[in-house]
Amino acid sequence: MEIMRTIRHVSPGVALLAACLVPALPAGAADWSLSAGMDYSNGRYGGGQATETWSVPLILKWEGERSTLKITLPWVRVTTPSGGNIIDVDPGGQPVYDGSGPRSTEEGMGDLGISYAWSVWPRPLYGFLLDLGAKAKLATADKAKGLGSGKNDYSVQADMYYLVGALTPFFTAGYRMPGDPAGLSLRNQRYGTLGLGYKLSSADSAGLMWDWRQASRTGSEGAKEATIYWVRKFSPDFKLQTYALRGFSAVSPDWGFGFLATYAY
């Protein structure tokens, strides 16, 4: 059963708990879903001009009794200062620029994301659920346009949840191995998420989370972001997820928001 999965291609910590509010699939059952949405982020990243990123992700997911496979391909539009320097690469593979020159805009297909997660226990064990997973970001975006780093990234992570009635505290711990863009050496990073989900009704849930990512370069600071979210299930097959975030470091966006609509079949 999938419990928490990434919505924003630019931040692995923006994850929603809609799936944990329904029972696991029966033995031998499987489910497909298709999601599409929009994500926007804006940040100065230590420079004089803001970088704006729009993303329209398309997500295909297969979910079995204990396994989940997800493929994500976004369309990306980036407005960034000309002459800026790459100071980091975010978890979605998008370069982070500083700079103060005139801004220019590029758009095109983003990097392809593939993730797999396995539920250690098919049902809650004393209220706990544990997922182990791996992710790969493949460099399919146009590096010359600044839509990707031109390198593959790989991550492994563990997600744990504790079901307490309507409340679901959750925790993520992960390790990311980013590829080095030309002229920039990035070190491997630890990252994590602390969050709390609350089931408002049979149709609605909401929550908040705090994301942290280790600095990718010596002398730089780590990413820190706070996110609030809301999920509405309109039917057993269709749900809408929305969120907003605030960044608290130079390598995080100043703010952002987005939504994702999912249809299961």
C-alpha atoms as a PDB file:
ATOM      1  CA  MET A   1       0.000   0.000   0.000  1.00  0.00           C
ATOM      2  CA  GLU A   2       1.298   3.428  -0.850  1.00  0.00           C
ATOM      3  CA  ILE A   3       1.235   5.783   2.106  1.00  0.00           C
ATOM      4  CA  MET A   4       3.161   8.872   1.136  1.00  0.00           C
ATOM      5  CA  ARG A   5       4.434   9.835  -2.280  1.00  0.00           C
ATOM      6  CA  THR A   6       5.954  12.932  -3.834  1.00  0.00           C
ATOM      7  CA  ILE A   7       3.698  15.365  -5.675  1.00  0.00           C
ATOM      8  CA  ARG A   8       6.106  18.156  -6.521  1.00  0.00           C
ATOM      9  CA  HIS A   9       8.938  17.106  -8.776  1.00  0.00           C
ATOM     10  CA  VAL A  10      11.019  19.794  -7.066  1.00  0.00           C
ATOM     11  CA  SER A  11      10.670  18.635  -3.498  1.00  0.00           C
ATOM     12  CA  PRO A  12      10.590  15.068  -2.205  1.00  0.00           C
ATOM     13  CA  GLY A  13       9.207  16.176   1.102  1.00  0.00           C
ATOM     14  CA  VAL A  14       5.933  17.480  -0.292  1.00  0.00           C
ATOM     15  CA  ALA A  15       3.985  14.275   0.256  1.00  0.00           C
ATOM     16  CA  LEU A  16       0.361  13.629   1.070  1.00  0.00           C
ATOM     17  CA  LEU A  17      -1.339  11.030   3.241  1.00  0.00           C
ATOM     18  CA  ALA A  18      -4.522  10.358   1.286  1.00  0.00           C
ATOM     19  CA  ALA A  19      -3.640   6.736   0.641  1.00  0.00           C
ATOM     20  CA  CYS A  20      -3.059   5.951   4.299  1.00  0.00           C
ATOM     21  CA  LEU A  21      -6.621   6.961   5.089  1.00  0.00           C
ATOM     22  CA  VAL A  22      -8.040   3.951   3.222  1.00  0.00           C
ATOM     23  CA  PRO A  23      -7.474   0.208   3.786  1.00  0.00           C
ATOM     24  CA  ALA A  24      -4.706  -1.672   2.033  1.00  0.00           C
ATOM     25  CA  LEU A  25      -5.579  -3.515  -1.148  1.00  0.00           C
ATOM     26  CA  PRO A  26      -6.797  -7.104  -0.778  1.00  0.00           C
ATOM     27  CA  ALA A  27      -4.300  -9.874  -1.436  1.00  0.00           C
ATOM     28  CA  GLY A  28      -3.639 -10.232  -5.149  1.00  0.00           C
ATOM     29  CA  ALA A  29      -5.300  -6.907  -5.992  1.00  0.00           C
ATOM     30  CA  ALA A  30      -3.633  -4.155  -7.994  1.00  0.00           C
ATOM     31  CA  ASP A  31      -4.576  -0.645  -8.962  1.00  0.00           C
ATOM     32  CA  TRP A  32      -3.533   1.908 -11.584  1.00  0.00           C
ATOM     33  CA  SER A  33      -3.885   5.667 -11.307  1.00  0.00           C
ATOM     34  CA  LEU A  34      -3.086   8.669 -13.462  1.00  0.00           C
ATOM     35  CA  SER A  35      -2.337  12.087 -11.960  1.00  0.00           C
ATOM     36  CA  ALA A  36      -1.816  15.538 -13.436  1.00  0.00           C
ATOM     37  CA  GLY A  37      -1.390  18.910 -11.790  1.00  0.00           C
ATOM     38  CA  MET A  38       0.535  22.136 -11.516  1.00  0.00           C
ATOM     39  CA  ASP A  39       3.377  23.325  -9.302  1.00  0.00           C
ATOM     40  CA  TYR A  40       4.804  26.830  -8.903  1.00  0.00           C
ATOM     41  CA  SER A  41       7.805  27.997  -6.891  1.00  0.00           C
ATOM     42  CA  ASN A  42       9.571  31.350  -6.553  1.00  0.00           C
ATOM     43  CA  GLY A  43      12.919  32.065  -4.881  1.00  0.00           C
ATOM     44  CA  ARG A  44      15.909  34.388  -4.980  1.00  0.00           C
ATOM     45  CA  TYR A  45      18.321  31.687  -3.770  1.00  0.00           C
ATOM     46  CA  GLY A  46      20.767  34.278  -2.444  1.00  0.00           C
ATOM     47  CA  GLY A  47      20.738  36.369  -5.657  1.00  0.00           C
ATOM     48  CA  GLY A  48      19.225  39.691  -6.602  1.00  0.00           C
ATOM     49  CA  GLN A  49      16.588  38.336  -8.988  1.00  0.00           C
ATOM     50  CA  ALA A  50      13.964  35.667  -8.391  1.00  0.00           C
ATOM     51  CA  THR A  51      13.807  32.369 -10.243  1.00  0.00           C
ATOM     52  CA  GLU A  52      10.289  31.198 -11.110  1.00  0.00           C
ATOM     53  CA  THR A  53       9.559  27.575 -11.904  1.00  0.00           C
ATOM     54  CA  TRP A  54       6.298  26.205 -13.288  1.00  0.00           C
ATOM     55  CA  SER A  55       5.863  22.455 -13.581  1.00  0.00           C
ATOM     56  CA  VAL A  56       3.002  20.383 -15.006  1.00  0.00           C
ATOM     57  CA  PRO A  57       3.660  16.781 -13.909  1.00  0.00           C
ATOM     58  CA  LEU A  58       2.088  13.680 -15.404  1.00  0.00           C
ATOM     59  CA  ILE A  59       2.276  10.678 -13.061  1.00  0.00           C
ATOM     60  CA  LEU A  60       1.469   7.045 -13.807  1.00  0.00           C
ATOM     61  CA  LYS A  61       1.303   4.775 -10.749  1.00  0.00           C
ATOM     62  CA  TRP A  62       0.834   1.059 -10.236  1.00  0.00           C
ATOM     63  CA  GLU A  63       0.019  -0.118  -6.720  1.00  0.00           C
ATOM     64  CA  GLY A  64      -0.095  -3.746  -5.608  1.00  0.00           C
ATOM     65  CA  GLU A  65      -0.700  -5.228  -2.175  1.00  0.00           C
ATOM     66  CA  ARG A  66       2.764  -4.249  -0.910  1.00  0.00           C
ATOM     67  CA  SER A  67       4.532  -2.684  -3.906  1.00  0.00           C
ATOM     68  CA  THR A  68       4.184   0.698  -5.591  1.00  0.00           C
ATOM     69  CA  LEU A  69       5.808   1.778  -8.849  1.00  0.00           C
ATOM     70  CA  LYS A  70       5.546   5.367 -10.049  1.00  0.00           C
ATOM     71  CA  ILE A  71       6.730   7.122 -13.220  1.00  0.00           C
ATOM     72  CA  THR A  72       6.721  10.933 -13.376  1.00  0.00           C
ATOM     73  CA  LEU A  73       7.376  13.181 -16.368  1.00  0.00           C
ATOM     74  CA  PRO A  74       6.876  16.964 -15.980  1.00  0.00           C
ATOM     75  CA  TRP A  75       6.666  19.820 -18.435  1.00  0.00           C
ATOM     76  CA  VAL A  76       8.812  22.624 -16.997  1.00  0.00           C
ATOM     77  CA  ARG A  77       8.941  26.394 -17.572  1.00  0.00           C
ATOM     78  CA  VAL A  78      11.783  28.286 -15.857  1.00  0.00           C
ATOM     79  CA  THR A  79      12.373  32.037 -15.681  1.00  0.00           C
ATOM     80  CA  THR A  80      15.810  32.744 -14.219  1.00  0.00           C
ATOM     81  CA  PRO A  81      18.435  35.552 -14.205  1.00  0.00           C
ATOM     82  CA  SER A  82      20.730  35.515 -17.230  1.00  0.00           C
ATOM     83  CA  GLY A  83      24.344  34.896 -16.322  1.00  0.00           C
ATOM     84  CA  GLY A  84      23.414  33.276 -13.037  1.00  0.00           C
ATOM     85  CA  ASN A  85      25.541  30.532 -11.560  1.00  0.00           C
ATOM     86  CA  ILE A  86      24.274  27.065 -10.602  1.00  0.00           C
ATOM     87  CA  ILE A  87      24.602  26.923  -6.807  1.00  0.00           C
ATOM     88  CA  ASP A  88      22.698  23.674  -6.206  1.00  0.00           C
ATOM     89  CA  VAL A  89      20.374  21.123  -7.782  1.00  0.00           C
ATOM     90  CA  ASP A  90      17.007  20.557  -6.125  1.00  0.00           C
ATOM     91  CA  PRO A  91      15.604  17.062  -5.474  1.00  0.00           C
ATOM     92  CA  GLY A  92      13.714  17.145  -8.774  1.00  0.00           C
ATOM     93  CA  GLY A  93      16.957  17.705 -10.679  1.00  0.00           C
ATOM     94  CA  GLN A  94      16.193  21.351 -11.414  1.00  0.00           C
ATOM     95  CA  PRO A  95      19.309  23.597 -11.233  1.00  0.00           C
ATOM     96  CA  VAL A  96      19.126  26.384  -8.639  1.00  0.00           C
ATOM     97  CA  TYR A  97      20.609  29.662  -9.906  1.00  0.00           C
ATOM     98  CA  ASP A  98      21.779  32.850  -8.253  1.00  0.00           C
ATOM     99  CA  GLY A  99      22.393  36.029 -10.264  1.00  0.00           C
ATOM    100  CA  SER A 100      21.112  39.542 -10.833  1.00  0.00           C
ATOM    101  CA  GLY A 101      21.078  39.954 -14.630  1.00  0.00           C
ATOM    102  CA  PRO A 102      18.050  40.237 -16.934  1.00  0.00           C
ATOM    103  CA  ARG A 103      15.749  37.275 -16.667  1.00  0.00           C
ATOM    104  CA  SER A 104      15.078  34.834 -19.491  1.00  0.00           C
ATOM    105  CA  THR A 105      12.540  32.031 -19.878  1.00  0.00           C
ATOM    106  CA  GLU A 106      12.965  28.473 -21.159  1.00  0.00           C
ATOM    107  CA  GLU A 107      10.509  25.600 -21.259  1.00  0.00           C
ATOM    108  CA  GLY A 108      10.359  21.963 -22.264  1.00  0.00           C
ATOM    109  CA  MET A 109      10.184  18.426 -20.987  1.00  0.00           C
ATOM    110  CA  GLY A 110      11.729  17.872 -17.557  1.00  0.00           C
ATOM    111  CA  ASP A 111      13.628  14.945 -16.081  1.00  0.00           C
ATOM    112  CA  LEU A 112      12.003  11.511 -15.913  1.00  0.00           C
ATOM    113  CA  GLY A 113      11.441  10.195 -12.397  1.00  0.00           C
ATOM    114  CA  ILE A 114      11.034   6.514 -11.487  1.00  0.00           C
ATOM    115  CA  SER A 115      10.373   5.313  -7.931  1.00  0.00           C
ATOM    116  CA  TYR A 116       9.600   2.001  -6.252  1.00  0.00           C
ATOM    117  CA  ALA A 117       8.419   1.413  -2.680  1.00  0.00           C
ATOM    118  CA  TRP A 118       7.777  -1.785  -0.728  1.00  0.00           C
ATOM    119  CA  SER A 119       5.602  -1.986   2.392  1.00  0.00           C
ATOM    120  CA  VAL A 120       7.383  -4.032   5.048  1.00  0.00           C
ATOM    121  CA  TRP A 121       4.068  -4.964   6.698  1.00  0.00           C
ATOM    122  CA  PRO A 122       0.896  -5.477   4.622  1.00  0.00           C
ATOM    123  CA  ARG A 123      -1.184  -4.242   7.589  1.00  0.00           C
ATOM    124  CA  PRO A 124      -0.350  -1.871  10.468  1.00  0.00           C
ATOM    125  CA  LEU A 125       1.826  -3.485  13.140  1.00  0.00           C
ATOM    126  CA  TYR A 126       0.828  -1.994  16.516  1.00  0.00           C
ATOM    127  CA  GLY A 127      -0.292   1.050  14.542  1.00  0.00           C
ATOM    128  CA  PHE A 128       2.979   1.392  12.595  1.00  0.00           C
ATOM    129  CA  LEU A 129       3.539   1.189   8.848  1.00  0.00           C
ATOM    130  CA  LEU A 130       6.952   1.159   7.161  1.00  0.00           C
ATOM    131  CA  ASP A 131       7.851   1.672   3.494  1.00  0.00           C
ATOM    132  CA  LEU A 132      11.311   1.152   1.986  1.00  0.00           C
ATOM    133  CA  GLY A 133      11.967   2.722  -1.391  1.00  0.00           C
ATOM    134  CA  ALA A 134      14.381   3.825  -4.095  1.00  0.00           C
ATOM    135  CA  LYS A 135      14.154   6.635  -6.632  1.00  0.00           C
ATOM    136  CA  ALA A 136      15.984   7.560  -9.813  1.00  0.00           C
ATOM    137  CA  LYS A 137      15.887  10.869 -11.661  1.00  0.00           C
ATOM    138  CA  LEU A 138      16.986  10.334 -15.265  1.00  0.00           C
ATOM    139  CA  ALA A 139      18.467  13.302 -17.138  1.00  0.00           C
ATOM    140  CA  THR A 140      15.938  13.655 -19.949  1.00  0.00           C
ATOM    141  CA  ALA A 141      15.567  17.464 -19.633  1.00  0.00           C
ATOM    142  CA  ASP A 142      17.417  19.843 -21.973  1.00  0.00           C
ATOM    143  CA  LYS A 143      20.545  20.873 -20.074  1.00  0.00           C
ATOM    144  CA  ALA A 144      21.355  23.647 -22.578  1.00  0.00           C
ATOM    145  CA  LYS A 145      18.058  25.343 -21.690  1.00  0.00           C
ATOM    146  CA  GLY A 146      18.740  25.018 -17.954  1.00  0.00           C
ATOM    147  CA  LEU A 147      15.799  22.643 -17.479  1.00  0.00           C
ATOM    148  CA  GLY A 148      17.917  19.952 -15.853  1.00  0.00           C
ATOM    149  CA  SER A 149      21.368  19.227 -14.475  1.00  0.00           C
ATOM    150  CA  GLY A 150      22.269  16.810 -17.282  1.00  0.00           C
ATOM    151  CA  LYS A 151      23.083  14.125 -14.700  1.00  0.00           C
ATOM    152  CA  ASN A 152      21.179  11.245 -13.144  1.00  0.00           C
ATOM    153  CA  ASP A 153      20.330  11.307  -9.421  1.00  0.00           C
ATOM    154  CA  TYR A 154      19.572   8.342  -7.156  1.00  0.00           C
ATOM    155  CA  SER A 155      17.966   8.133  -3.701  1.00  0.00           C
ATOM    156  CA  VAL A 156      16.980   5.554  -1.112  1.00  0.00           C
ATOM    157  CA  GLN A 157      14.588   6.250   1.755  1.00  0.00           C
ATOM    158  CA  ALA A 158      12.408   4.846   4.523  1.00  0.00           C
ATOM    159  CA  ASP A 159       8.942   6.186   5.420  1.00  0.00           C
ATOM    160  CA  MET A 160       7.313   5.376   8.763  1.00  0.00           C
ATOM    161  CA  TYR A 161       3.763   6.209   9.904  1.00  0.00           C
ATOM    162  CA  TYR A 162       1.872   5.764  13.144  1.00  0.00           C
ATOM    163  CA  LEU A 163      -1.922   5.518  12.870  1.00  0.00           C
ATOM    164  CA  VAL A 164      -3.601   7.056  15.929  1.00  0.00           C
ATOM    165  CA  GLY A 165      -7.288   7.365  15.159  1.00  0.00           C
ATOM    166  CA  ALA A 166      -7.731  10.399  12.929  1.00  0.00           C
ATOM    167  CA  LEU A 167      -4.080  11.438  13.455  1.00  0.00           C
ATOM    168  CA  THR A 168      -1.112  10.100  11.480  1.00  0.00           C
ATOM    169  CA  PRO A 169       2.355  11.280  12.531  1.00  0.00           C
ATOM    170  CA  PHE A 170       4.932  10.366   9.893  1.00  0.00           C
ATOM    171  CA  PHE A 171       8.676  10.447   9.379  1.00  0.00           C
ATOM    172  CA  THR A 172      10.981  10.070   6.364  1.00  0.00           C
ATOM    173  CA  ALA A 173      14.741   9.454   6.356  1.00  0.00           C
ATOM    174  CA  GLY A 174      16.623   9.297   3.060  1.00  0.00           C
ATOM    175  CA  TYR A 175      19.992   9.444   1.343  1.00  0.00           C
ATOM    176  CA  ARG A 176      20.456  11.131  -2.039  1.00  0.00           C
ATOM    177  CA  MET A 177      23.312  10.669  -4.508  1.00  0.00           C
ATOM    178  CA  PRO A 178      23.170  13.553  -7.017  1.00  0.00           C
ATOM    179  CA  GLY A 179      25.121  13.676 -10.245  1.00  0.00           C
ATOM    180  CA  ASP A 180      27.619  16.530 -10.636  1.00  0.00           C
ATOM    181  CA  PRO A 181      26.643  19.184 -13.238  1.00  0.00           C
ATOM    182  CA  ALA A 182      29.480  20.681 -15.275  1.00  0.00           C
ATOM    183  CA  GLY A 183      31.613  22.925 -13.071  1.00  0.00           C
ATOM    184  CA  LEU A 184      29.902  21.924  -9.817  1.00  0.00           C
ATOM    185  CA  SER A 185      30.807  19.142  -7.398  1.00  0.00           C
ATOM    186  CA  LEU A 186      27.905  18.008  -5.226  1.00  0.00           C
ATOM    187  CA  ARG A 187      28.223  15.735  -2.233  1.00  0.00           C
ATOM    188  CA  ASN A 188      25.764  13.051  -1.222  1.00  0.00           C
ATOM    189  CA  GLN A 189      23.018  14.285   1.080  1.00  0.00           C
ATOM    190  CA  ARG A 190      20.897  13.048   3.939  1.00  0.00           C
ATOM    191  CA  TYR A 191      17.316  14.343   4.025  1.00  0.00           C
ATOM    192  CA  GLY A 192      14.250  13.938   6.173  1.00  0.00           C
ATOM    193  CA  THR A 193      10.637  14.902   6.798  1.00  0.00           C
ATOM    194  CA  LEU A 194       8.568  15.253   9.968  1.00  0.00           C
ATOM    195  CA  GLY A 195       4.834  15.638   9.568  1.00  0.00           C
ATOM    196  CA  LEU A 196       1.350  15.199  10.949  1.00  0.00           C
ATOM    197  CA  GLY A 197      -1.767  14.290   8.986  1.00  0.00           C
ATOM    198  CA  TYR A 198      -5.337  14.617  10.274  1.00  0.00           C
ATOM    199  CA  LYS A 199      -8.456  12.988   8.834  1.00  0.00           C
ATOM    200  CA  LEU A 200     -11.158  15.652   8.977  1.00  0.00           C
ATOM    201  CA  SER A 201     -13.898  13.406   7.577  1.00  0.00           C
ATOM    202  CA  SER A 202     -14.372  10.434   5.272  1.00  0.00           C
ATOM    203  CA  ALA A 203     -13.715  12.781   2.343  1.00  0.00           C
ATOM    204  CA  ASP A 204     -11.245  15.381   3.669  1.00  0.00           C
ATOM    205  CA  SER A 205      -7.818  15.318   5.276  1.00  0.00           C
ATOM    206  CA  ALA A 206      -5.159  17.941   5.972  1.00  0.00           C
ATOM    207  CA  GLY A 207      -1.733  18.216   7.502  1.00  0.00           C
ATOM    208  CA  LEU A 208       1.602  19.922   7.790  1.00  0.00           C
ATOM    209  CA  MET A 209       5.252  18.893   7.470  1.00  0.00           C
ATOM    210  CA  TRP A 210       8.810  20.108   7.859  1.00  0.00           C
ATOM    211  CA  ASP A 211      11.418  19.078   5.270  1.00  0.00           C
ATOM    212  CA  TRP A 212      15.187  19.236   5.682  1.00  0.00           C
ATOM    213  CA  ARG A 213      18.001  18.397   3.281  1.00  0.00           C
ATOM    214  CA  GLN A 214      21.737  18.417   4.020  1.00  0.00           C
ATOM    215  CA  ALA A 215      23.872  20.992   2.207  1.00  0.00           C
ATOM    216  CA  SER A 216      25.184  19.688  -1.107  1.00  0.00           C
ATOM    217  CA  ARG A 217      28.388  21.756  -1.009  1.00  0.00           C
ATOM    218  CA  THR A 218      30.914  22.693   1.670  1.00  0.00           C
ATOM    219  CA  GLY A 219      30.143  26.162   3.000  1.00  0.00           C
ATOM    220  CA  SER A 220      26.544  26.081   1.798  1.00  0.00           C
ATOM    221  CA  GLU A 221      23.439  25.633   3.926  1.00  0.00           C
ATOM    222  CA  GLY A 222      20.848  22.897   3.852  1.00  0.00           C
ATOM    223  CA  ALA A 223      17.316  23.218   2.530  1.00  0.00           C
ATOM    224  CA  LYS A 224      14.468  23.836   5.003  1.00  0.00           C
ATOM    225  CA  GLU A 225      10.812  24.017   3.999  1.00  0.00           C
ATOM    226  CA  ALA A 226       7.425  23.997   5.721  1.00  0.00           C
ATOM    227  CA  THR A 227       4.349  22.712   3.866  1.00  0.00           C
ATOM    228  CA  ILE A 228       0.624  22.601   4.568  1.00  0.00           C
ATOM    229  CA  TYR A 229      -1.741  20.446   2.504  1.00  0.00           C
ATOM    230  CA  TRP A 230      -5.356  19.475   2.019  1.00  0.00           C
ATOM    231  CA  VAL A 231      -6.859  16.422   0.282  1.00  0.00           C
ATOM    232  CA  ARG A 232     -10.441  16.026  -0.928  1.00  0.00           C
ATOM    233  CA  LYS A 233     -11.822  12.659  -2.110  1.00  0.00           C
ATOM    234  CA  PHE A 234     -14.748  13.378  -4.414  1.00  0.00           C
ATOM    235  CA  SER A 235     -15.336   9.675  -5.114  1.00  0.00           C
ATOM    236  CA  PRO A 236     -13.545   6.359  -4.591  1.00  0.00           C
ATOM    237  CA  ASP A 237     -11.813   6.952  -7.944  1.00  0.00           C
ATOM    238  CA  PHE A 238     -11.050  10.686  -7.893  1.00  0.00           C
ATOM    239  CA  LYS A 239      -9.244  12.980  -5.447  1.00  0.00           C
ATOM    240  CA  LEU A 240      -7.737  16.464  -5.474  1.00  0.00           C
ATOM    241  CA  GLN A 241      -4.649  17.384  -3.440  1.00  0.00           C
ATOM    242  CA  THR A 242      -3.482  20.966  -2.856  1.00  0.00           C
ATOM    243  CA  TYR A 243      -0.546  22.414  -0.929  1.00  0.00           C
ATOM    244  CA  ALA A 244       1.461  25.550  -0.160  1.00  0.00           C
ATOM    245  CA  LEU A 245       5.035  25.864   1.084  1.00  0.00           C
ATOM    246  CA  ARG A 246       7.415  28.374   2.629  1.00  0.00           C
ATOM    247  CA  GLY A 247      11.190  28.113   2.406  1.00  0.00           C
ATOM    248  CA  PHE A 248      13.607  28.992   5.224  1.00  0.00           C
ATOM    249  CA  SER A 249      17.040  28.782   3.595  1.00  0.00           C
ATOM    250  CA  ALA A 250      18.910  30.273   0.628  1.00  0.00           C
ATOM    251  CA  VAL A 251      18.665  27.017  -1.351  1.00  0.00           C
ATOM    252  CA  SER A 252      14.910  26.638  -0.786  1.00  0.00           C
ATOM    253  CA  PRO A 253      12.217  28.484  -2.744  1.00  0.00           C
ATOM    254  CA  ASP A 254      10.843  31.479  -0.883  1.00  0.00           C
ATOM    255  CA  TRP A 255       7.330  30.162  -1.437  1.00  0.00           C
ATOM    256  CA  GLY A 256       5.304  27.892  -3.658  1.00  0.00           C
ATOM    257  CA  PHE A 257       1.963  26.188  -4.191  1.00  0.00           C
ATOM    258  CA  GLY A 258       0.337  23.551  -6.357  1.00  0.00           C
ATOM    259  CA  PHE A 259      -2.326  20.921  -6.864  1.00  0.00           C
ATOM    260  CA  LEU A 260      -2.614  17.375  -8.177  1.00  0.00           C
ATOM    261  CA  ALA A 261      -5.729  15.602  -9.461  1.00  0.00           C
ATOM    262  CA  THR A 262      -5.701  11.793  -9.393  1.00  0.00           C
ATOM    263  CA  TYR A 263      -7.996   9.301 -11.092  1.00  0.00           C
ATOM    264  CA  ALA A 264      -7.742   5.607 -10.166  1.00  0.00           C
ATOM    265  CA  TYR A 265      -8.890   2.848 -12.493  1.00  0.00           C
END
